[in-house]
């Protein structure tokens, strides 16, 4: 089972540069053309399931507007 993740984009920082869109290996990030940030930009957003929480989008974001969350899988040890 592939890892699952999600992102949160701080709309006060996101300038819609699309660097995260191009860097996402899963191709699950796009600009949300239905929303505009307080500064007048279309923010980045997850557009579908498939985020693995790899963090590449957060690394390439020049404004540090993206926070990545990755689901942790707990493995039980045999007793």
N, C-alpha and C. Protein backbone atom coordinates (compact mmCIF):
# COMPACT_ATOMS: atom_id res chain seq x y z
N UNK A 1 0.85 -1.17 0.00
CA UNK A 1 0.00 0.00 0.00
C UNK A 1 0.90 1.24 0.00
N UNK A 2 0.70 2.15 -0.97
CA UNK A 2 1.55 3.35 -1.01
C UNK A 2 1.23 4.29 0.14
N UNK A 3 2.23 5.06 0.58
CA UNK A 3 1.98 6.02 1.67
C UNK A 3 0.97 7.07 1.23
N UNK A 4 0.27 7.62 2.21
CA UNK A 4 -0.71 8.66 1.93
C UNK A 4 -0.28 9.95 2.60
N UNK A 5 -0.58 11.05 1.94
CA UNK A 5 -0.23 12.35 2.49
C UNK A 5 -1.25 13.38 2.08
N UNK A 6 -1.02 14.58 2.57
CA UNK A 6 -1.86 15.72 2.19
C UNK A 6 -1.03 16.97 2.39
N UNK A 7 -1.47 18.05 1.77
CA UNK A 7 -0.78 19.32 1.94
C UNK A 7 -1.76 20.38 2.43
N UNK A 8 -1.21 21.36 3.10
CA UNK A 8 -1.95 22.56 3.45
C UNK A 8 -1.17 23.73 2.89
N UNK A 9 -1.87 24.62 2.21
CA UNK A 9 -1.23 25.78 1.59
C UNK A 9 -1.66 27.03 2.34
N UNK A 10 -0.69 27.77 2.82
CA UNK A 10 -0.96 29.03 3.50
C UNK A 10 -1.25 30.07 2.42
N UNK A 11 -2.52 30.45 2.33
CA UNK A 11 -2.95 31.36 1.27
C UNK A 11 -2.41 32.78 1.45
N UNK A 12 -1.92 33.12 2.62
CA UNK A 12 -1.30 34.43 2.81
C UNK A 12 0.10 34.48 2.20
N UNK A 13 0.68 33.30 1.97
CA UNK A 13 2.04 33.23 1.42
C UNK A 13 2.09 32.79 -0.04
N UNK A 14 1.15 31.96 -0.47
CA UNK A 14 1.17 31.40 -1.82
C UNK A 14 0.95 32.50 -2.87
N UNK A 15 1.86 32.53 -3.86
CA UNK A 15 1.77 33.52 -4.93
C UNK A 15 1.42 32.89 -6.28
N UNK A 16 1.00 31.62 -6.27
CA UNK A 16 0.57 30.97 -7.50
C UNK A 16 1.66 30.79 -8.53
N UNK A 17 2.89 30.58 -8.11
CA UNK A 17 4.02 30.48 -9.03
C UNK A 17 4.05 29.15 -9.80
N UNK A 18 3.34 28.17 -9.31
CA UNK A 18 3.22 26.84 -9.93
C UNK A 18 4.48 25.98 -9.87
N UNK A 19 5.49 26.37 -9.10
CA UNK A 19 6.67 25.51 -8.98
C UNK A 19 6.30 24.16 -8.36
N UNK A 20 5.38 24.18 -7.39
CA UNK A 20 4.95 22.93 -6.76
C UNK A 20 4.18 22.05 -7.73
N UNK A 21 3.42 22.67 -8.63
CA UNK A 21 2.64 21.92 -9.62
C UNK A 21 3.59 21.12 -10.52
N UNK A 22 4.62 21.77 -11.00
CA UNK A 22 5.58 21.10 -11.87
C UNK A 22 6.45 20.08 -11.16
N UNK A 23 6.67 20.27 -9.88
CA UNK A 23 7.56 19.39 -9.13
C UNK A 23 6.87 18.14 -8.59
N UNK A 24 5.55 18.15 -8.51
CA UNK A 24 4.82 17.03 -7.90
C UNK A 24 4.92 15.77 -8.77
N UNK A 25 5.58 14.71 -8.26
CA UNK A 25 5.72 13.50 -9.06
C UNK A 25 4.40 12.77 -9.27
N UNK A 26 3.44 13.00 -8.39
CA UNK A 26 2.14 12.33 -8.50
C UNK A 26 1.15 13.13 -9.35
N UNK A 27 1.50 14.37 -9.69
CA UNK A 27 0.64 15.26 -10.50
C UNK A 27 -0.73 15.47 -9.86
N UNK A 28 -0.73 15.74 -8.53
CA UNK A 28 -1.99 15.94 -7.81
C UNK A 28 -2.16 17.36 -7.28
N UNK A 29 -1.29 18.28 -7.70
CA UNK A 29 -1.38 19.68 -7.28
C UNK A 29 -1.65 20.55 -8.51
N UNK A 30 -2.55 21.50 -8.34
CA UNK A 30 -2.84 22.48 -9.40
C UNK A 30 -3.27 23.77 -8.74
N UNK A 31 -3.28 24.84 -9.51
CA UNK A 31 -3.80 26.10 -8.98
C UNK A 31 -5.32 26.00 -8.94
N UNK A 32 -5.90 26.49 -7.85
CA UNK A 32 -7.35 26.48 -7.69
C UNK A 32 -7.90 27.75 -8.33
N UNK A 33 -8.42 27.60 -9.53
CA UNK A 33 -8.89 28.75 -10.30
C UNK A 33 -10.23 29.29 -9.79
N UNK A 34 -10.83 28.61 -8.81
CA UNK A 34 -12.10 29.07 -8.23
C UNK A 34 -11.89 29.96 -7.01
N UNK A 35 -10.63 30.05 -6.53
CA UNK A 35 -10.35 30.85 -5.34
C UNK A 35 -9.26 31.86 -5.64
N UNK A 36 -9.29 32.95 -4.90
CA UNK A 36 -8.25 33.97 -5.00
C UNK A 36 -7.80 34.30 -3.58
N UNK A 37 -6.50 34.38 -3.38
CA UNK A 37 -5.96 34.69 -2.06
C UNK A 37 -6.16 36.17 -1.75
N UNK A 38 -5.95 36.57 -0.50
CA UNK A 38 -6.06 38.00 -0.16
C UNK A 38 -5.12 38.89 -0.97
N UNK A 39 -4.04 38.32 -1.50
CA UNK A 39 -3.10 39.11 -2.31
C UNK A 39 -3.42 39.04 -3.79
N UNK A 40 -4.49 38.33 -4.17
CA UNK A 40 -4.93 38.30 -5.56
C UNK A 40 -4.40 37.18 -6.42
N UNK A 41 -3.89 36.11 -5.81
CA UNK A 41 -3.35 34.99 -6.56
C UNK A 41 -4.27 33.77 -6.46
N UNK A 42 -4.20 32.88 -7.43
CA UNK A 42 -4.88 31.59 -7.34
C UNK A 42 -3.94 30.66 -6.56
N UNK A 43 -4.38 30.11 -5.43
CA UNK A 43 -3.49 29.29 -4.62
C UNK A 43 -3.36 27.86 -5.14
N UNK A 44 -2.27 27.22 -4.78
CA UNK A 44 -2.09 25.81 -5.09
C UNK A 44 -3.02 24.98 -4.20
N UNK A 45 -3.41 23.83 -4.72
CA UNK A 45 -4.34 22.97 -3.98
C UNK A 45 -4.22 21.54 -4.49
N UNK A 46 -4.55 20.57 -3.64
CA UNK A 46 -4.64 19.18 -4.09
C UNK A 46 -5.86 19.05 -4.98
N UNK A 47 -5.69 18.40 -6.14
CA UNK A 47 -6.82 18.24 -7.05
C UNK A 47 -7.35 16.81 -7.09
N UNK A 48 -6.61 15.87 -6.51
CA UNK A 48 -7.07 14.49 -6.48
C UNK A 48 -6.32 13.71 -5.42
N UNK A 49 -6.79 12.51 -5.16
CA UNK A 49 -6.09 11.62 -4.23
C UNK A 49 -4.80 11.17 -4.89
N UNK A 50 -3.88 10.71 -4.11
CA UNK A 50 -2.63 10.20 -4.65
C UNK A 50 -1.40 10.83 -4.05
N UNK A 51 -1.60 11.86 -3.21
CA UNK A 51 -0.45 12.48 -2.55
C UNK A 51 0.22 11.45 -1.65
N UNK A 52 1.54 11.33 -1.77
CA UNK A 52 2.29 10.40 -0.94
C UNK A 52 2.99 11.09 0.22
N UNK A 53 2.90 12.40 0.28
CA UNK A 53 3.55 13.14 1.35
C UNK A 53 5.05 13.21 1.17
N UNK A 54 5.53 13.17 -0.07
CA UNK A 54 6.97 13.14 -0.34
C UNK A 54 7.66 14.44 0.09
N UNK A 55 6.93 15.56 0.04
CA UNK A 55 7.49 16.83 0.49
C UNK A 55 8.22 17.64 -0.55
N UNK A 56 8.28 17.16 -1.79
CA UNK A 56 8.99 17.90 -2.84
C UNK A 56 8.37 19.27 -3.06
N UNK A 57 7.04 19.33 -3.02
CA UNK A 57 6.36 20.61 -3.23
C UNK A 57 6.77 21.64 -2.18
N UNK A 58 6.90 21.21 -0.94
CA UNK A 58 7.29 22.13 0.12
C UNK A 58 8.73 22.59 -0.04
N UNK A 59 9.59 21.71 -0.54
CA UNK A 59 11.00 22.06 -0.72
C UNK A 59 11.18 23.09 -1.82
N UNK A 60 10.43 22.97 -2.91
CA UNK A 60 10.60 23.89 -4.04
C UNK A 60 9.84 25.20 -3.86
N UNK A 61 8.93 25.28 -2.91
CA UNK A 61 8.12 26.48 -2.71
C UNK A 61 9.00 27.63 -2.20
N UNK A 62 9.17 28.71 -2.99
CA UNK A 62 10.03 29.80 -2.55
C UNK A 62 9.47 30.61 -1.40
N UNK A 63 8.18 30.50 -1.16
CA UNK A 63 7.54 31.26 -0.08
C UNK A 63 7.32 30.43 1.19
N UNK A 64 7.70 29.16 1.17
CA UNK A 64 7.46 28.23 2.30
C UNK A 64 5.98 28.22 2.68
N UNK A 65 5.12 28.19 1.66
CA UNK A 65 3.68 28.26 1.88
C UNK A 65 3.03 26.89 2.05
N UNK A 66 3.78 25.81 1.83
CA UNK A 66 3.20 24.47 1.85
C UNK A 66 3.70 23.69 3.05
N UNK A 67 2.75 23.09 3.76
CA UNK A 67 3.05 22.17 4.85
C UNK A 67 2.56 20.79 4.41
N UNK A 68 3.41 19.79 4.54
CA UNK A 68 3.09 18.44 4.11
C UNK A 68 2.84 17.56 5.33
N UNK A 69 1.77 16.79 5.26
CA UNK A 69 1.45 15.83 6.31
C UNK A 69 1.46 14.44 5.70
N UNK A 70 2.10 13.51 6.38
CA UNK A 70 2.20 12.15 5.88
C UNK A 70 1.59 11.21 6.91
N UNK A 71 0.73 10.32 6.44
CA UNK A 71 0.09 9.34 7.31
C UNK A 71 1.13 8.34 7.77
N UNK A 72 1.13 8.10 9.06
CA UNK A 72 2.06 7.10 9.59
C UNK A 72 1.32 5.77 9.73
N UNK A 73 2.00 4.71 9.36
CA UNK A 73 1.42 3.38 9.43
C UNK A 73 2.06 2.66 10.60
N UNK A 74 1.22 2.23 11.52
CA UNK A 74 1.72 1.52 12.69
C UNK A 74 1.76 0.03 12.38
N UNK A 75 2.91 -0.56 12.62
CA UNK A 75 3.09 -1.98 12.36
C UNK A 75 3.14 -2.69 13.69
N UNK A 76 2.33 -3.72 13.81
CA UNK A 76 2.33 -4.50 15.06
C UNK A 76 3.43 -5.56 14.99
N UNK A 77 4.12 -5.70 16.08
CA UNK A 77 5.13 -6.74 16.19
C UNK A 77 4.45 -8.03 16.66
N UNK A 78 4.90 -9.17 16.12
CA UNK A 78 4.35 -10.46 16.55
C UNK A 78 4.78 -10.71 17.99
N UNK A 79 3.81 -11.14 18.77
CA UNK A 79 4.12 -11.37 20.19
C UNK A 79 4.30 -12.82 20.46
